[in-house]
Protein backbone atom coordinates (compact mmCIF):
# COMPACT_ATOMS: atom_id res chain seq x y z
CA UNK A 1 -13.67 -6.56 15.19
CA UNK A 2 -12.63 -10.23 14.96
CA UNK A 3 -9.14 -11.17 16.04
CA UNK A 4 -8.10 -12.46 12.50
CA UNK A 5 -9.01 -9.27 11.06
CA UNK A 6 -7.28 -7.12 13.78
CA UNK A 7 -4.03 -9.09 13.26
CA UNK A 8 -4.44 -8.53 9.37
CA UNK A 9 -4.75 -4.81 9.86
CA UNK A 10 -1.68 -4.61 11.98
CA UNK A 11 0.35 -6.94 9.70
CA UNK A 12 -0.56 -4.84 6.44
CA UNK A 13 0.22 -1.80 8.36
CA UNK A 14 3.81 -2.84 9.58
CA UNK A 15 4.43 -4.14 5.87
CA UNK A 16 3.61 -0.71 4.52
CA UNK A 17 5.84 0.98 7.02
CA UNK A 18 8.70 -1.31 6.53
CA UNK A 19 8.99 -1.56 2.78
CA UNK A 20 7.25 1.75 1.51
CA UNK A 21 4.77 -0.32 -0.40
CA UNK A 22 1.82 1.02 -2.30
CA UNK A 23 -1.75 -0.21 -1.74
CA UNK A 24 -1.62 -2.48 -4.79
CA UNK A 25 1.75 -4.03 -3.83
CA UNK A 26 0.34 -4.69 -0.31
CA UNK A 27 -2.69 -6.25 -1.52
CA UNK A 28 -0.68 -8.55 -3.98
CA UNK A 29 1.46 -9.72 -1.01
CA UNK A 30 -1.60 -10.34 1.59
CA UNK A 31 -3.81 -11.92 -1.26
CA UNK A 32 -6.51 -9.52 -0.47
CA UNK A 33 -8.22 -6.62 -2.52
CA UNK A 34 -6.88 -3.04 -2.78
CA UNK A 35 -10.32 -2.22 -1.17
CA UNK A 36 -9.40 -4.42 1.69
CA UNK A 37 -6.24 -2.80 2.22
CA UNK A 38 -7.51 0.59 1.94
CA UNK A 39 -10.45 -0.07 4.41
CA UNK A 40 -7.87 -1.86 6.82
CA UNK A 41 -5.57 1.24 6.91
CA UNK A 42 -7.90 4.09 6.64
CA UNK A 43 -11.09 2.82 8.66
CA UNK A 44 -10.01 0.01 10.94
CA UNK A 45 -6.18 1.00 11.97
CA UNK A 46 -7.22 4.36 13.41
CA UNK A 47 -9.45 2.52 15.92
CA UNK A 48 -6.70 0.04 16.82
CA UNK A 49 -3.55 2.20 17.05
CA UNK A 50 -3.82 5.94 16.16
CA UNK A 51 0.06 6.30 16.02
CA UNK A 52 0.51 3.47 13.61
CA UNK A 53 -2.18 4.95 11.43
CA UNK A 54 -0.40 8.35 11.40
CA UNK A 55 2.68 6.54 10.02
CA UNK A 56 0.93 4.47 7.30
CA UNK A 57 -1.13 7.76 6.08
CA UNK A 58 2.42 9.34 5.69
CA UNK A 59 3.69 6.53 3.66
CA UNK A 60 0.51 6.37 1.57
CA UNK A 61 0.51 10.00 0.99
CA UNK A 62 4.18 9.81 -0.31
CA UNK A 63 3.12 7.06 -2.62
CA UNK A 64 0.24 9.23 -3.96
CA UNK A 65 2.44 12.00 -4.40
CA UNK A 66 5.04 9.89 -6.48
CA UNK A 67 2.65 7.64 -8.42
CA UNK A 68 2.66 9.95 -11.77
CA UNK A 69 6.29 9.28 -11.65
CA UNK A 70 6.22 5.49 -11.29
CA UNK A 71 3.67 5.28 -14.19
CA UNK A 72 5.60 7.47 -16.23
CA UNK A 73 8.65 5.20 -15.52
CA UNK A 74 6.70 2.22 -16.35
CA UNK A 75 5.32 3.44 -19.49
CA UNK A 76 8.98 4.71 -20.48
CA UNK A 77 10.38 1.08 -19.89
CA UNK A 78 7.57 -0.61 -21.57
CA UNK A 79 8.24 1.25 -24.91
CA UNK A 80 12.02 0.83 -24.37
CA UNK A 81 11.61 -3.03 -24.37
CA UNK A 82 9.63 -3.00 -27.25
CA UNK A 83 12.08 -0.86 -29.47
CA UNK A 84 15.06 -3.30 -28.55
CA UNK A 85 13.06 -6.57 -29.59
């Protein structure tokens, strides 16, 4: 694995843990695709640092469990804004 990829994997992982970010939010911050973020944290990170991979996995599982709530909130907000306008 090339050094810049290894560094990106570690940077992305630390960002996810510190900010509780979703894959989509993390991809936007780092300017990469969601697929790249997902591959970095599920395939590459366990080869680099298993403990860090477990921490990231916990955050991503929590985000996945809560995503239906975030989607519902976004929809509610969208229609509430259209109602006021």
